Amino acid sequence: MNDFLKQRYMEFIEDYDPYNQEETPETLEAMLYNLLEIRDDFSDDLEFDTLKEVLEATIEQFKAAGIEAY
């Protein structure tokens, strides 16, 4: 499950910001924290609707696996 969540995180970050140069967080909790921060920063721009859906689904998968953001 951990590998799946890490892959989901990496795929989302690649789609969201393909030029991202930041290091990948080491823990699933830190990954979830980043996803929640990204969600808070999203605008209501319609072009982001599909990406928002992917983001929400990814966050829910982390939570379903019992991962909590710190």
C-alpha atoms as a PDB file:
ATOM      1  CA  MET A   1       0.000   0.000   0.000  1.00  0.00           C
ATOM      2  CA  ASN A   2       2.823   2.417   0.825  1.00  0.00           C
ATOM      3  CA  ASP A   3       4.361   2.054  -2.624  1.00  0.00           C
ATOM      4  CA  PHE A   4       0.953   2.662  -4.201  1.00  0.00           C
ATOM      5  CA  LEU A   5       0.433   5.850  -2.176  1.00  0.00           C
ATOM      6  CA  LYS A   6       3.915   7.123  -2.985  1.00  0.00           C
ATOM      7  CA  GLN A   7       3.262   6.489  -6.675  1.00  0.00           C
ATOM      8  CA  ARG A   8      -0.085   8.306  -6.517  1.00  0.00           C
ATOM      9  CA  TYR A   9       1.634  11.250  -4.827  1.00  0.00           C
ATOM     10  CA  MET A  10       4.392  11.375  -7.442  1.00  0.00           C
ATOM     11  CA  GLU A  11       1.905  11.153 -10.318  1.00  0.00           C
ATOM     12  CA  PHE A  12      -0.185  13.980  -8.896  1.00  0.00           C
ATOM     13  CA  ILE A  13       2.826  16.237  -8.307  1.00  0.00           C
ATOM     14  CA  GLU A  14       4.055  15.536 -11.838  1.00  0.00           C
ATOM     15  CA  ASP A  15       0.658  16.483 -13.296  1.00  0.00           C
ATOM     16  CA  TYR A  16       0.245  19.480 -10.984  1.00  0.00           C
ATOM     17  CA  ASP A  17       3.748  20.921 -11.372  1.00  0.00           C
ATOM     18  CA  PRO A  18       5.885  19.076 -13.931  1.00  0.00           C
ATOM     19  CA  TYR A  19       8.837  21.430 -13.266  1.00  0.00           C
ATOM     20  CA  ASN A  20       8.843  20.838  -9.518  1.00  0.00           C
ATOM     21  CA  GLN A  21      12.411  20.543  -8.240  1.00  0.00           C
ATOM     22  CA  GLU A  22      11.643  19.947  -4.553  1.00  0.00           C
ATOM     23  CA  GLU A  23      12.639  16.687  -2.936  1.00  0.00           C
ATOM     24  CA  THR A  24       9.897  14.163  -2.349  1.00  0.00           C
ATOM     25  CA  PRO A  25       8.892  14.042   1.324  1.00  0.00           C
ATOM     26  CA  GLU A  26      10.213  10.965   3.088  1.00  0.00           C
ATOM     27  CA  THR A  27       7.043  10.044   4.959  1.00  0.00           C
ATOM     28  CA  LEU A  28       3.494   9.395   3.844  1.00  0.00           C
ATOM     29  CA  GLU A  29       2.327  11.837   6.512  1.00  0.00           C
ATOM     30  CA  ALA A  30       4.424  14.596   4.944  1.00  0.00           C
ATOM     31  CA  MET A  31       3.093  13.695   1.495  1.00  0.00           C
ATOM     32  CA  LEU A  32      -0.474  13.961   2.757  1.00  0.00           C
ATOM     33  CA  TYR A  33       0.349  17.282   4.426  1.00  0.00           C
ATOM     34  CA  ASN A  34       1.633  18.620   1.077  1.00  0.00           C
ATOM     35  CA  LEU A  35      -1.483  17.411  -0.720  1.00  0.00           C
ATOM     36  CA  LEU A  36      -3.702  19.148   1.830  1.00  0.00           C
ATOM     37  CA  GLU A  37      -1.694  22.365   1.451  1.00  0.00           C
ATOM     38  CA  ILE A  38      -2.039  22.186  -2.333  1.00  0.00           C
ATOM     39  CA  ARG A  39      -5.794  21.676  -1.951  1.00  0.00           C
ATOM     40  CA  ASP A  40      -6.009  24.778   0.232  1.00  0.00           C
ATOM     41  CA  ASP A  41      -4.158  26.793  -2.429  1.00  0.00           C
ATOM     42  CA  PHE A  42      -6.367  25.756  -5.362  1.00  0.00           C
ATOM     43  CA  SER A  43      -8.408  28.478  -6.961  1.00  0.00           C
ATOM     44  CA  ASP A  44     -11.944  27.994  -8.209  1.00  0.00           C
ATOM     45  CA  ASP A  45     -10.651  28.111 -11.778  1.00  0.00           C
ATOM     46  CA  LEU A  46     -12.577  25.681 -13.970  1.00  0.00           C
ATOM     47  CA  GLU A  47      -9.446  24.474 -15.757  1.00  0.00           C
ATOM     48  CA  PHE A  48      -8.336  22.841 -12.514  1.00  0.00           C
ATOM     49  CA  ASP A  49     -11.532  20.804 -12.018  1.00  0.00           C
ATOM     50  CA  THR A  50     -10.081  17.503 -13.248  1.00  0.00           C
ATOM     51  CA  LEU A  51      -6.878  18.003 -11.289  1.00  0.00           C
ATOM     52  CA  LYS A  52      -8.928  18.811  -8.177  1.00  0.00           C
ATOM     53  CA  GLU A  53     -10.811  15.529  -8.565  1.00  0.00           C
ATOM     54  CA  VAL A  54      -7.532  13.609  -8.773  1.00  0.00           C
ATOM     55  CA  LEU A  55      -6.226  15.503  -5.749  1.00  0.00           C
ATOM     56  CA  GLU A  56      -9.306  14.693  -3.658  1.00  0.00           C
ATOM     57  CA  ALA A  57      -9.189  11.022  -4.661  1.00  0.00           C
ATOM     58  CA  THR A  58      -5.497  10.835  -3.753  1.00  0.00           C
ATOM     59  CA  ILE A  59      -6.101  12.474  -0.364  1.00  0.00           C
ATOM     60  CA  GLU A  60      -8.918  10.017   0.343  1.00  0.00           C
ATOM     61  CA  GLN A  61      -6.654   7.062  -0.484  1.00  0.00           C
ATOM     62  CA  PHE A  62      -4.078   8.298   2.020  1.00  0.00           C
ATOM     63  CA  LYS A  63      -6.755   8.710   4.680  1.00  0.00           C
ATOM     64  CA  ALA A  64      -8.284   5.301   3.910  1.00  0.00           C
ATOM     65  CA  ALA A  65      -4.860   3.765   4.536  1.00  0.00           C
ATOM     66  CA  GLY A  66      -4.840   5.365   7.990  1.00  0.00           C
ATOM     67  CA  ILE A  67      -2.284   8.057   7.124  1.00  0.00           C
ATOM     68  CA  GLU A  68      -2.653  11.319   9.020  1.00  0.00           C
ATOM     69  CA  ALA A  69      -0.954  14.602   8.171  1.00  0.00           C
ATOM     70  CA  TYR A  70       1.167  16.099  10.905  1.00  0.00           C
END
